[in-house]
Amino acid sequence: MLGKIAAQIARDAATGKGQDYLQLSAMMCWDAVVECQIKAGVAKPNSIEFNNYKHVISLNDTPVTGVDEMRRVPQGAFIGFFEGDRLIHAMMATGAGFGAGNKNACLGIGNPVGWEILDLGNLVVWGSGGAATTRNLQVRYRALD
């Protein structure tokens, strides 16, 4: 249930139905995802940095390697994009292969700034073992519920 609530918060912010657009747009991508989860009622985790994130996402979490898998990522899940073993970007699953995030241009899709929803199933160029957008990335998710 918390996943659906978090995803709705993310969608509302991106579509102008909520008050959170400016706040989420000003945050680091992973902090914005966590903020949506906190607003849904999840306990605030320790801070996240590019080298301190395993408490919210890791390479041991469920892989996403293509369109069909992306479409099955549950709402509210934390989606991590990894270059090697380093987290480089995060988004929140909003359902049906879509994700909400900020500073998405680092993936080669979306805008450099601004909380937005993107069709990750179709916009990401999926390669073997992960997403190959502007570089070969591994994608993982951790469900909220």
N, C-alpha and C. Protein backbone atom coordinates (compact mmCIF):
# COMPACT_ATOMS: atom_id res chain seq x y z
N MET A 1 0.81 -1.20 0.00
CA MET A 1 0.00 0.00 0.00
C MET A 1 0.86 1.27 0.00
N LEU A 2 1.96 1.27 0.77
CA LEU A 2 2.83 2.45 0.81
C LEU A 2 3.42 2.75 -0.57
N GLY A 3 3.70 1.70 -1.34
CA GLY A 3 4.25 1.90 -2.68
C GLY A 3 3.29 2.66 -3.58
N LYS A 4 2.02 2.32 -3.52
CA LYS A 4 1.02 3.02 -4.34
C LYS A 4 0.86 4.46 -3.89
N ILE A 5 0.92 4.69 -2.59
CA ILE A 5 0.82 6.06 -2.08
C ILE A 5 2.02 6.89 -2.52
N ALA A 6 3.22 6.33 -2.38
CA ALA A 6 4.44 7.04 -2.80
C ALA A 6 4.41 7.34 -4.29
N ALA A 7 3.97 6.37 -5.09
CA ALA A 7 3.90 6.58 -6.54
C ALA A 7 2.90 7.68 -6.87
N GLN A 8 1.78 7.74 -6.14
CA GLN A 8 0.79 8.79 -6.39
C GLN A 8 1.35 10.16 -6.03
N ILE A 9 2.10 10.24 -4.95
CA ILE A 9 2.76 11.50 -4.58
C ILE A 9 3.70 11.94 -5.69
N ALA A 10 4.47 10.99 -6.22
CA ALA A 10 5.41 11.29 -7.31
C ALA A 10 4.68 11.75 -8.57
N ARG A 11 3.60 11.06 -8.91
CA ARG A 11 2.82 11.44 -10.11
C ARG A 11 2.19 12.83 -9.93
N ASP A 12 1.60 13.07 -8.76
CA ASP A 12 0.96 14.36 -8.52
C ASP A 12 1.97 15.50 -8.63
N ALA A 13 3.16 15.30 -8.07
CA ALA A 13 4.19 16.35 -8.15
C ALA A 13 4.59 16.62 -9.60
N ALA A 14 4.73 15.56 -10.39
CA ALA A 14 5.17 15.72 -11.78
C ALA A 14 4.10 16.31 -12.68
N THR A 15 2.85 16.11 -12.33
CA THR A 15 1.76 16.59 -13.19
C THR A 15 1.13 17.87 -12.66
N GLY A 16 1.73 18.47 -11.65
CA GLY A 16 1.25 19.76 -11.16
C GLY A 16 0.06 19.68 -10.23
N LYS A 17 -0.29 18.47 -9.76
CA LYS A 17 -1.44 18.33 -8.87
C LYS A 17 -1.03 18.42 -7.41
N GLY A 18 0.26 18.44 -7.15
CA GLY A 18 0.73 18.51 -5.77
C GLY A 18 1.59 19.73 -5.55
N GLN A 19 1.95 19.95 -4.31
CA GLN A 19 2.79 21.11 -3.96
C GLN A 19 4.27 20.75 -3.97
N ASP A 20 4.61 19.56 -4.36
CA ASP A 20 5.96 19.06 -4.17
C ASP A 20 6.89 19.22 -5.38
N TYR A 21 6.39 19.70 -6.50
CA TYR A 21 7.21 19.78 -7.71
C TYR A 21 8.52 20.54 -7.48
N LEU A 22 8.45 21.74 -6.95
CA LEU A 22 9.66 22.55 -6.77
C LEU A 22 10.62 21.92 -5.77
N GLN A 23 10.09 21.37 -4.69
CA GLN A 23 10.94 20.73 -3.69
C GLN A 23 11.68 19.54 -4.30
N LEU A 24 10.97 18.66 -4.99
CA LEU A 24 11.60 17.47 -5.58
C LEU A 24 12.56 17.85 -6.70
N SER A 25 12.24 18.88 -7.45
CA SER A 25 13.11 19.32 -8.55
C SER A 25 14.42 19.90 -8.07
N ALA A 26 14.45 20.38 -6.83
CA ALA A 26 15.66 20.99 -6.28
C ALA A 26 16.58 19.98 -5.60
N MET A 27 16.12 18.74 -5.47
CA MET A 27 16.88 17.73 -4.72
C MET A 27 17.75 16.87 -5.65
N MET A 28 18.72 16.20 -5.04
CA MET A 28 19.43 15.15 -5.75
C MET A 28 18.42 14.06 -6.10
N CYS A 29 18.65 13.35 -7.18
CA CYS A 29 17.68 12.37 -7.67
C CYS A 29 17.29 11.35 -6.59
N TRP A 30 18.28 10.79 -5.89
CA TRP A 30 17.97 9.76 -4.89
C TRP A 30 17.28 10.35 -3.66
N ASP A 31 17.62 11.58 -3.31
CA ASP A 31 16.94 12.23 -2.19
C ASP A 31 15.48 12.50 -2.51
N ALA A 32 15.18 12.84 -3.76
CA ALA A 32 13.80 13.11 -4.17
C ALA A 32 12.96 11.83 -4.11
N VAL A 33 13.54 10.71 -4.53
CA VAL A 33 12.82 9.44 -4.45
C VAL A 33 12.50 9.11 -3.00
N VAL A 34 13.50 9.23 -2.14
CA VAL A 34 13.30 8.94 -0.71
C VAL A 34 12.28 9.90 -0.11
N GLU A 35 12.28 11.16 -0.54
CA GLU A 35 11.31 12.13 -0.01
C GLU A 35 9.88 11.70 -0.33
N CYS A 36 9.64 11.19 -1.52
CA CYS A 36 8.30 10.69 -1.86
C CYS A 36 7.93 9.52 -0.96
N GLN A 37 8.90 8.64 -0.69
CA GLN A 37 8.64 7.50 0.18
C GLN A 37 8.35 7.96 1.61
N ILE A 38 9.09 8.96 2.09
CA ILE A 38 8.86 9.49 3.44
C ILE A 38 7.47 10.11 3.53
N LYS A 39 7.07 10.88 2.51
CA LYS A 39 5.75 11.51 2.51
C LYS A 39 4.63 10.46 2.51
N ALA A 40 4.95 9.26 2.03
CA ALA A 40 3.98 8.17 2.03
C ALA A 40 3.92 7.44 3.37
N GLY A 41 4.88 7.74 4.25
CA GLY A 41 4.85 7.13 5.58
C GLY A 41 6.00 6.20 5.90
N VAL A 42 7.01 6.12 5.03
CA VAL A 42 8.18 5.27 5.27
C VAL A 42 9.14 6.00 6.20
N ALA A 43 9.78 5.28 7.08
CA ALA A 43 10.77 5.88 7.98
C ALA A 43 11.94 6.44 7.17
N LYS A 44 12.42 7.59 7.58
CA LYS A 44 13.53 8.24 6.88
C LYS A 44 14.81 7.41 7.04
N PRO A 45 15.44 7.04 5.91
CA PRO A 45 16.69 6.28 6.00
C PRO A 45 17.87 7.20 6.27
N ASN A 46 19.02 6.60 6.50
CA ASN A 46 20.26 7.38 6.59
C ASN A 46 20.48 8.09 5.28
N SER A 47 21.34 9.10 5.26
CA SER A 47 21.59 9.87 4.05
C SER A 47 22.17 8.98 2.95
N ILE A 48 21.94 9.40 1.72
CA ILE A 48 22.38 8.66 0.54
C ILE A 48 23.42 9.51 -0.18
N GLU A 49 24.49 8.88 -0.59
CA GLU A 49 25.52 9.49 -1.43
C GLU A 49 25.93 8.46 -2.46
N PHE A 50 26.72 8.86 -3.45
CA PHE A 50 27.08 7.94 -4.52
C PHE A 50 27.83 6.71 -3.99
N ASN A 51 28.44 6.81 -2.81
CA ASN A 51 29.17 5.66 -2.25
C ASN A 51 28.53 5.15 -0.96
N ASN A 52 27.34 5.63 -0.61
CA ASN A 52 26.64 5.21 0.61
C ASN A 52 25.16 5.10 0.31
N TYR A 53 24.74 3.95 -0.22
CA TYR A 53 23.37 3.79 -0.69
C TYR A 53 22.79 2.40 -0.45
N LYS A 54 23.57 1.47 0.00
CA LYS A 54 23.11 0.07 0.05
C LYS A 54 21.92 -0.14 0.99
N HIS A 55 21.62 0.83 1.83
CA HIS A 55 20.45 0.73 2.71
C HIS A 55 19.14 1.02 1.96
N VAL A 56 19.24 1.54 0.72
CA VAL A 56 18.03 1.79 -0.08
C VAL A 56 18.02 1.03 -1.40
N ILE A 57 19.21 0.70 -1.95
CA ILE A 57 19.31 -0.02 -3.22
C ILE A 57 20.71 -0.60 -3.33
N SER A 58 20.83 -1.74 -3.98
CA SER A 58 22.17 -2.32 -4.20
C SER A 58 22.14 -3.19 -5.45
N LEU A 59 23.30 -3.62 -5.86
CA LEU A 59 23.39 -4.52 -7.00
C LEU A 59 22.82 -5.90 -6.69
N ASN A 60 22.54 -6.18 -5.42
CA ASN A 60 21.91 -7.44 -5.03
C ASN A 60 20.40 -7.40 -5.16
N ASP A 61 19.83 -6.23 -5.42
CA ASP A 61 18.38 -6.11 -5.59
C ASP A 61 17.96 -6.64 -6.96
N THR A 62 16.67 -6.69 -7.18
CA THR A 62 16.10 -7.29 -8.39
C THR A 62 16.55 -6.55 -9.65
N PRO A 63 17.14 -7.27 -10.63
CA PRO A 63 17.57 -6.62 -11.87
C PRO A 63 16.41 -6.32 -12.81
N VAL A 64 16.60 -5.29 -13.60
CA VAL A 64 15.68 -4.94 -14.69
C VAL A 64 16.53 -4.93 -15.95
N THR A 65 16.18 -5.81 -16.90
CA THR A 65 17.02 -5.93 -18.09
C THR A 65 16.26 -5.70 -19.39
N GLY A 66 14.99 -5.32 -19.29
CA GLY A 66 14.24 -5.10 -20.52
C GLY A 66 12.88 -4.49 -20.25
N VAL A 67 12.17 -4.26 -21.33
CA VAL A 67 10.87 -3.60 -21.30
C VAL A 67 9.88 -4.35 -20.42
N ASP A 68 9.75 -5.66 -20.61
CA ASP A 68 8.77 -6.43 -19.85
C ASP A 68 9.06 -6.38 -18.35
N GLU A 69 10.32 -6.51 -17.98
CA GLU A 69 10.68 -6.43 -16.56
C GLU A 69 10.40 -5.05 -16.00
N MET A 70 10.69 -4.02 -16.77
CA MET A 70 10.44 -2.65 -16.32
C MET A 70 8.96 -2.44 -16.07
N ARG A 71 8.12 -3.00 -16.91
CA ARG A 71 6.67 -2.85 -16.75
C ARG A 71 6.15 -3.53 -15.49
N ARG A 72 6.92 -4.50 -14.97
CA ARG A 72 6.49 -5.23 -13.77
C ARG A 72 7.07 -4.67 -12.47
N VAL A 73 7.89 -3.63 -12.56
CA VAL A 73 8.44 -3.04 -11.34
C VAL A 73 7.29 -2.41 -10.56
N PRO A 74 7.14 -2.78 -9.28
CA PRO A 74 5.98 -2.29 -8.51
C PRO A 74 6.04 -0.79 -8.23
N GLN A 75 4.88 -0.20 -8.14
CA GLN A 75 4.77 1.22 -7.83
C GLN A 75 5.48 1.53 -6.51
N GLY A 76 6.17 2.65 -6.49
CA GLY A 76 6.86 3.10 -5.29
C GLY A 76 8.25 2.53 -5.11
N ALA A 77 8.64 1.59 -5.98
CA ALA A 77 9.97 0.98 -5.87
C ALA A 77 11.06 2.00 -6.16
N PHE A 78 12.16 1.86 -5.46
CA PHE A 78 13.36 2.66 -5.69
C PHE A 78 14.10 2.00 -6.84
N ILE A 79 14.31 2.74 -7.93
CA ILE A 79 15.04 2.22 -9.09
C ILE A 79 16.43 2.85 -9.09
N GLY A 80 17.45 2.01 -9.10
CA GLY A 80 18.82 2.49 -9.12
C GLY A 80 19.49 2.17 -10.44
N PHE A 81 20.23 3.13 -10.97
CA PHE A 81 21.01 2.96 -12.19
C PHE A 81 22.48 2.97 -11.79
N PHE A 82 23.17 1.90 -12.12
CA PHE A 82 24.55 1.71 -11.68
C PHE A 82 25.50 1.69 -12.86
N GLU A 83 26.63 2.35 -12.66
CA GLU A 83 27.75 2.26 -13.60
C GLU A 83 28.83 1.50 -12.84
N GLY A 84 29.06 0.25 -13.24
CA GLY A 84 29.91 -0.61 -12.43
C GLY A 84 29.21 -0.85 -11.10
N ASP A 85 29.91 -0.56 -10.00
CA ASP A 85 29.28 -0.74 -8.69
C ASP A 85 28.87 0.60 -8.07
N ARG A 86 28.85 1.65 -8.87
CA ARG A 86 28.54 2.99 -8.37
C ARG A 86 27.13 3.42 -8.78
N LEU A 87 26.34 3.84 -7.80
CA LEU A 87 25.01 4.38 -8.08
C LEU A 87 25.17 5.75 -8.72
N ILE A 88 24.62 5.90 -9.94
CA ILE A 88 24.76 7.19 -10.62
C ILE A 88 23.43 7.94 -10.76
N HIS A 89 22.29 7.21 -10.60
CA HIS A 89 21.00 7.87 -10.75
C HIS A 89 19.92 7.03 -10.06
N ALA A 90 18.85 7.69 -9.67
CA ALA A 90 17.72 7.01 -9.04
C ALA A 90 16.41 7.61 -9.52
N MET A 91 15.40 6.75 -9.61
CA MET A 91 14.04 7.16 -9.94
C MET A 91 13.08 6.33 -9.12
N MET A 92 11.82 6.73 -9.11
CA MET A 92 10.78 5.96 -8.44
C MET A 92 9.85 5.37 -9.48
N ALA A 93 9.54 4.10 -9.34
CA ALA A 93 8.59 3.45 -10.24
C ALA A 93 7.19 3.99 -9.96
N THR A 94 6.51 4.40 -11.02
CA THR A 94 5.14 4.89 -10.88
C THR A 94 4.14 3.93 -11.52
N GLY A 95 4.61 2.82 -12.06
CA GLY A 95 3.73 1.79 -12.61
C GLY A 95 3.79 1.69 -14.11
N ALA A 96 3.57 0.49 -14.62
CA ALA A 96 3.46 0.20 -16.06
C ALA A 96 4.70 0.60 -16.86
N GLY A 97 5.86 0.52 -16.23
CA GLY A 97 7.11 0.84 -16.93
C GLY A 97 7.52 2.29 -16.85
N PHE A 98 6.77 3.10 -16.13
CA PHE A 98 7.08 4.52 -16.00
C PHE A 98 7.82 4.77 -14.69
N GLY A 99 8.62 5.84 -14.68
CA GLY A 99 9.34 6.23 -13.48
C GLY A 99 9.38 7.74 -13.35
N ALA A 100 9.41 8.20 -12.11
CA ALA A 100 9.51 9.63 -11.83
C ALA A 100 10.89 9.92 -11.29
N GLY A 101 11.45 11.05 -11.71
CA GLY A 101 12.76 11.41 -11.23
C GLY A 101 13.14 12.83 -11.59
N ASN A 102 14.29 13.22 -11.09
CA ASN A 102 14.84 14.55 -11.31
C ASN A 102 16.25 14.38 -11.89
N LYS A 103 16.65 15.30 -12.73
CA LYS A 103 17.98 15.28 -13.35
C LYS A 103 18.19 14.02 -14.19
N ASN A 104 17.17 13.67 -14.95
CA ASN A 104 17.18 12.44 -15.73
C ASN A 104 18.06 12.50 -16.98
N ALA A 105 18.51 13.66 -17.37
CA ALA A 105 19.34 13.78 -18.57
C ALA A 105 20.64 12.98 -18.45
N CYS A 106 21.05 12.66 -17.24
CA CYS A 106 22.26 11.85 -17.09
C CYS A 106 22.10 10.46 -17.70
N LEU A 107 20.85 10.05 -17.93
CA LEU A 107 20.58 8.78 -18.59
C LEU A 107 20.48 8.92 -20.10
N GLY A 108 20.51 10.14 -20.58
CA GLY A 108 20.34 10.38 -22.01
C GLY A 108 18.88 10.54 -22.39
N ILE A 109 18.00 10.60 -21.40
CA ILE A 109 16.57 10.83 -21.62
C ILE A 109 16.11 11.85 -20.57
N GLY A 110 15.06 12.56 -20.87
CA GLY A 110 14.53 13.51 -19.90
C GLY A 110 15.32 14.80 -19.84
N ASN A 111 15.00 15.58 -18.82
CA ASN A 111 15.56 16.92 -18.67
C ASN A 111 16.69 16.97 -17.65
N PRO A 112 17.56 17.99 -17.75
CA PRO A 112 18.66 18.10 -16.79
C PRO A 112 18.19 18.45 -15.39
N VAL A 113 17.05 19.14 -15.28
CA VAL A 113 16.48 19.49 -13.98
C VAL A 113 14.96 19.48 -14.13
N GLY A 114 14.28 19.07 -13.07
CA GLY A 114 12.82 19.08 -13.05
C GLY A 114 12.25 17.70 -12.82
N TRP A 115 11.42 17.58 -11.80
CA TRP A 115 10.77 16.31 -11.48
C TRP A 115 9.82 15.96 -12.61
N GLU A 116 9.99 14.80 -13.21
CA GLU A 116 9.20 14.41 -14.37
C GLU A 116 8.98 12.91 -14.39
N ILE A 117 7.97 12.50 -15.15
CA ILE A 117 7.68 11.09 -15.36
C ILE A 117 8.11 10.72 -16.77
N LEU A 118 8.83 9.59 -16.86
CA LEU A 118 9.32 9.11 -18.15
C LEU A 118 8.90 7.66 -18.36
N ASP A 119 8.68 7.30 -19.61
CA ASP A 119 8.36 5.93 -19.98
C ASP A 119 9.67 5.15 -20.10
N LEU A 120 10.14 4.61 -18.98
CA LEU A 120 11.43 3.93 -18.95
C LEU A 120 11.40 2.65 -19.78
N GLY A 121 10.25 2.01 -19.86
CA GLY A 121 10.15 0.80 -20.65
C GLY A 121 10.49 1.04 -22.11
N ASN A 122 10.07 2.18 -22.64
CA ASN A 122 10.27 2.45 -24.06
C ASN A 122 11.36 3.47 -24.37
N LEU A 123 11.69 4.36 -23.45
CA LEU A 123 12.71 5.38 -23.72
C LEU A 123 14.13 4.87 -23.48
N VAL A 124 14.28 3.97 -22.51
CA VAL A 124 15.60 3.41 -22.24
C VAL A 124 15.91 2.42 -23.34
N VAL A 125 17.13 2.48 -23.87
CA VAL A 125 17.57 1.51 -24.86
C VAL A 125 18.14 0.33 -24.09
N TRP A 126 17.38 -0.76 -24.04
CA TRP A 126 17.76 -1.91 -23.23
C TRP A 126 18.75 -2.77 -23.99
N GLY A 127 19.86 -3.08 -23.36
CA GLY A 127 20.87 -3.96 -23.94
C GLY A 127 20.99 -5.22 -23.11
N SER A 128 21.93 -6.04 -23.43
CA SER A 128 22.09 -7.29 -22.68
C SER A 128 22.58 -6.98 -21.27
N GLY A 129 21.85 -7.49 -20.28
CA GLY A 129 22.25 -7.34 -18.89
C GLY A 129 21.95 -5.99 -18.27
N GLY A 130 21.28 -5.10 -18.98
CA GLY A 130 20.98 -3.81 -18.38
C GLY A 130 20.61 -2.77 -19.42
N ALA A 131 20.59 -1.55 -19.00
CA ALA A 131 20.21 -0.46 -19.88
C ALA A 131 21.44 0.15 -20.51
N ALA A 132 21.38 0.35 -21.78
CA ALA A 132 22.47 1.04 -22.47
C ALA A 132 21.90 2.34 -23.01
N THR A 133 21.95 3.39 -22.24
CA THR A 133 21.45 4.68 -22.71
C THR A 133 22.65 5.42 -23.27
N THR A 134 23.21 6.35 -22.54
CA THR A 134 24.43 7.00 -23.00
C THR A 134 25.65 6.18 -22.62
N ARG A 135 25.46 5.19 -21.77
CA ARG A 135 26.53 4.28 -21.36
C ARG A 135 25.87 2.99 -20.87
N ASN A 136 26.64 1.95 -20.74
CA ASN A 136 26.08 0.67 -20.31
C ASN A 136 25.83 0.71 -18.80
N LEU A 137 24.58 0.64 -18.40
CA LEU A 137 24.21 0.73 -17.00
C LEU A 137 23.49 -0.53 -16.55
N GLN A 138 23.62 -0.85 -15.29
CA GLN A 138 22.83 -1.90 -14.70
C GLN A 138 21.68 -1.24 -13.94
N VAL A 139 20.49 -1.82 -14.05
CA VAL A 139 19.32 -1.26 -13.40
C VAL A 139 18.81 -2.27 -12.38
N ARG A 140 18.53 -1.80 -11.18
CA ARG A 140 18.00 -2.63 -10.10
C ARG A 140 16.85 -1.91 -9.45
N TYR A 141 15.94 -2.66 -8.81
CA TYR A 141 14.89 -2.02 -8.04
C TYR A 141 14.72 -2.73 -6.70
N ARG A 142 14.23 -1.95 -5.75
CA ARG A 142 13.85 -2.47 -4.45
C ARG A 142 12.42 -2.03 -4.18
N ALA A 143 11.54 -2.99 -4.04
CA ALA A 143 10.14 -2.69 -3.79
C ALA A 143 9.96 -2.04 -2.42
N LEU A 144 8.98 -1.19 -2.34
CA LEU A 144 8.70 -0.49 -1.09
C LEU A 144 7.90 -1.34 -0.13
N ASP A 145 6.91 -2.03 -0.64
CA ASP A 145 6.03 -2.85 0.21
C ASP A 145 6.59 -4.24 0.38
